[in-house]
Amino acid sequence: MATVIIPCPRCGGQGHGNWNPDNGICYRCKGNRQVRIDTARHLKALGFLRSKYVRLLGEVRAAEEKGGDEDIEFARRALGYCVESGLRVRSDLEAAGVKL
């Protein structure tokens, strides 16, 4: 695998956005409009997130069976963050031309 340069997915390759801090400069690309994607590292991260998703899904199901409302909410929130991160990494890989 290689390092690939893609338009910044956070700001859409604009280098800035409609947010106020730091005069709207994108925090991901720092205004450069492009980001480098290390595809090997992203693939490892995606594999890690997939295994974490399976573990968290088991925790959600166990918490549902146990009936602890606090445990269920925590596990569901963690599962949601895992899904968001996985989608972001997957999107970066697809933008870099990696077939999944």
Protein backbone atom coordinates (compact mmCIF):
# COMPACT_ATOMS: atom_id res chain seq x y z
CA MET A 1 0.00 0.00 0.00
CA ALA A 2 1.01 3.61 -0.30
CA THR A 3 0.45 7.09 0.93
CA VAL A 4 -2.16 8.88 -1.15
CA ILE A 5 -3.11 12.56 -1.25
CA ILE A 6 -6.85 13.26 -1.39
CA PRO A 7 -9.00 16.39 -1.06
CA CYS A 8 -9.75 17.01 2.60
CA PRO A 9 -12.97 15.17 3.49
CA ARG A 10 -13.73 17.49 6.41
CA CYS A 11 -13.83 20.77 4.47
CA GLY A 12 -14.45 19.33 1.00
CA GLY A 13 -11.06 20.53 -0.23
CA GLN A 14 -11.81 24.18 0.54
CA GLY A 15 -9.29 24.64 3.34
CA HIS A 16 -11.86 26.48 5.43
CA GLY A 17 -15.45 26.15 6.51
CA ASN A 18 -18.36 27.86 8.21
CA TRP A 19 -17.01 27.33 11.72
CA ASN A 20 -15.74 30.30 13.72
CA PRO A 21 -12.60 29.19 15.61
CA ASP A 22 -9.28 30.09 13.96
CA ASN A 23 -10.94 32.13 11.21
CA GLY A 24 -12.61 29.03 9.78
CA ILE A 25 -9.36 27.20 8.92
CA CYS A 26 -10.00 23.46 8.69
CA TYR A 27 -8.43 21.53 11.57
CA ARG A 28 -7.90 18.41 9.48
CA CYS A 29 -5.94 19.84 6.53
CA LYS A 30 -4.84 23.05 8.30
CA GLY A 31 -5.96 25.05 5.27
CA ASN A 32 -3.93 23.00 2.75
CA ARG A 33 -7.08 21.59 1.09
CA GLN A 34 -5.48 18.12 0.92
CA VAL A 35 -4.65 15.33 3.35
CA ARG A 36 -2.27 12.38 3.11
CA ILE A 37 -3.82 8.98 3.67
CA ASP A 38 -1.55 6.11 4.70
CA THR A 39 -3.66 3.30 3.29
CA ALA A 40 -1.92 0.52 5.26
CA ARG A 41 -2.50 2.36 8.52
CA HIS A 42 -6.12 3.09 7.61
CA LEU A 43 -6.72 -0.58 6.74
CA LYS A 44 -5.33 -1.62 10.14
CA ALA A 45 -7.56 0.95 11.85
CA LEU A 46 -10.57 -0.34 9.95
CA GLY A 47 -9.81 -3.91 11.05
CA PHE A 48 -9.44 -2.78 14.65
CA LEU A 49 -12.73 -0.86 14.51
CA ARG A 50 -14.53 -3.87 13.04
CA SER A 51 -13.35 -6.12 15.88
CA LYS A 52 -14.23 -3.43 18.42
CA TYR A 53 -17.70 -3.14 16.86
CA VAL A 54 -18.31 -6.88 17.30
CA ARG A 55 -17.17 -6.71 20.94
CA LEU A 56 -19.33 -3.65 21.67
CA LEU A 57 -22.34 -5.22 19.98
CA GLY A 58 -21.94 -8.19 22.34
CA GLU A 59 -21.80 -5.80 25.28
CA VAL A 60 -24.98 -4.05 24.13
CA ARG A 61 -26.80 -7.36 23.84
CA ALA A 62 -25.52 -8.51 27.25
CA ALA A 63 -26.58 -5.21 28.84
CA GLU A 64 -30.03 -5.52 27.26
CA GLU A 65 -30.42 -9.03 28.68
CA LYS A 66 -29.24 -7.85 32.10
CA GLY A 67 -31.59 -4.85 31.99
CA GLY A 68 -29.21 -2.20 33.34
CA ASP A 69 -30.36 1.05 31.74
CA GLU A 70 -27.08 2.82 32.51
CA ASP A 71 -25.00 0.00 31.01
CA ILE A 72 -27.17 -0.15 27.89
CA GLU A 73 -26.87 3.60 27.25
CA PHE A 74 -23.09 3.58 27.71
CA ALA A 75 -22.62 0.55 25.43
CA ARG A 76 -24.90 2.02 22.74
CA ARG A 77 -23.05 5.35 22.82
CA ALA A 78 -19.69 3.57 22.50
CA LEU A 79 -21.09 1.50 19.63
CA GLY A 80 -22.23 4.69 17.88
CA TYR A 81 -18.76 6.26 18.18
CA CYS A 82 -17.21 3.10 16.80
CA VAL A 83 -19.56 3.16 13.80
CA GLU A 84 -18.84 6.86 13.13
CA SER A 85 -15.09 6.28 13.23
CA GLY A 86 -15.36 3.23 10.99
CA LEU A 87 -17.40 5.13 8.42
CA ARG A 88 -14.90 8.00 8.43
CA VAL A 89 -11.93 5.64 7.92
CA ARG A 90 -13.81 3.71 5.23
CA SER A 91 -14.71 6.95 3.44
CA ASP A 92 -11.04 8.04 3.47
CA LEU A 93 -9.99 4.70 2.01
CA GLU A 94 -12.64 4.86 -0.71
CA ALA A 95 -11.54 8.42 -1.59
CA ALA A 96 -7.98 7.09 -1.85
CA GLY A 97 -9.17 4.49 -4.37
CA VAL A 98 -8.85 1.43 -2.12
CA LYS A 99 -11.44 -1.22 -2.90
CA LEU A 100 -12.94 -2.75 0.22
